Amino acid sequence: MNTKIIFLSFIIAFSFSGVVFGQESYRTLVYEGNQKFNGKNYDGASSKYMEAIKSNEKDFTAHYNLGNALYKNKKYDEAKAEFEKAQKLSQTIPDKAAALHNLGNTYMQMKQPDKAADYYKQSLKQDPYNEATRKNYGIAKLKEKENQQKKDQQNKSGKGGGGKDQQKNDDQKGDTKDQKQDQGKGQQNQGESQQGNDPNQKQNNEGKMPKDLENAILDKVSDKEKETAKRILNKNSYSMPQSNEKDW
């Protein structure tokens, strides 16, 4: 009888120690990933976060941080997948709001402002007073309207007397404007920041919108909407909410 009790106690103790060891291993890997991320070694950070996910695939933090590292490497499709997992695994309102916000940023980089606006809106439902998300939502809606107006103009030019040649010229002009806007975005993204994955570090880096991108957006809205647009654009855009990650 005593032998059975000792044997069962050994199994329980071994199992418990395995769980504890697994948790510590997970935390260590996330910590090491954070260190590499802070050193701008995003490939190294991604590797550590992937290892952490193998250790515990049901935790928010590793998926969320992996999304950040992939985003920094401009692997937006992969980053999107990780943020989607993170928001499903989130257990707090700040975590869910942050993951949804980052999904919005990712879709903006993928030039899908309509979807970006939807995720910013979902994030605002979780955190209605987040000014950073509200600003990004306004920018996404303006960009969405600009794209729609551009399509409408192209459709009209295609039906008008100019025919294919006129449409081609319009497309070329649009391409030139897009190139200028992309250059502006490149400068803007230097100030854009995913939520920091150093738990103790509060980030509120906000990139000032380039003047040419601001003018391009203002040109696309009506006179009545310009004052509203200016109020949004005068604020720094594509900022991120403060870090809310766990401190171990």
Foldseek 3Di string as FASTA:
>chain_A
DVVVVVVVVVVVVVVVVVVVVLVVLLVVLQVVLLVCVVVVVLVSSLVSLVVSCVSPVLALQSLQVNLQSCVSVVVLVSSLVSLVSNLVSDDALVSNLQSLQVNLVSVVSVVNLVSSLVSLVVSCVSVVPPPQSVLQNLVSVLSVLLVVVLVVVLVVQCPDPVHPVSSVVSVVVVVVLVVVQVVQVVQQCVQAHRARSPQVDWDWRFGQGDPSNLVSSLVRDDPVCNVVSCVSNVDGHNTHGIHHDDDD
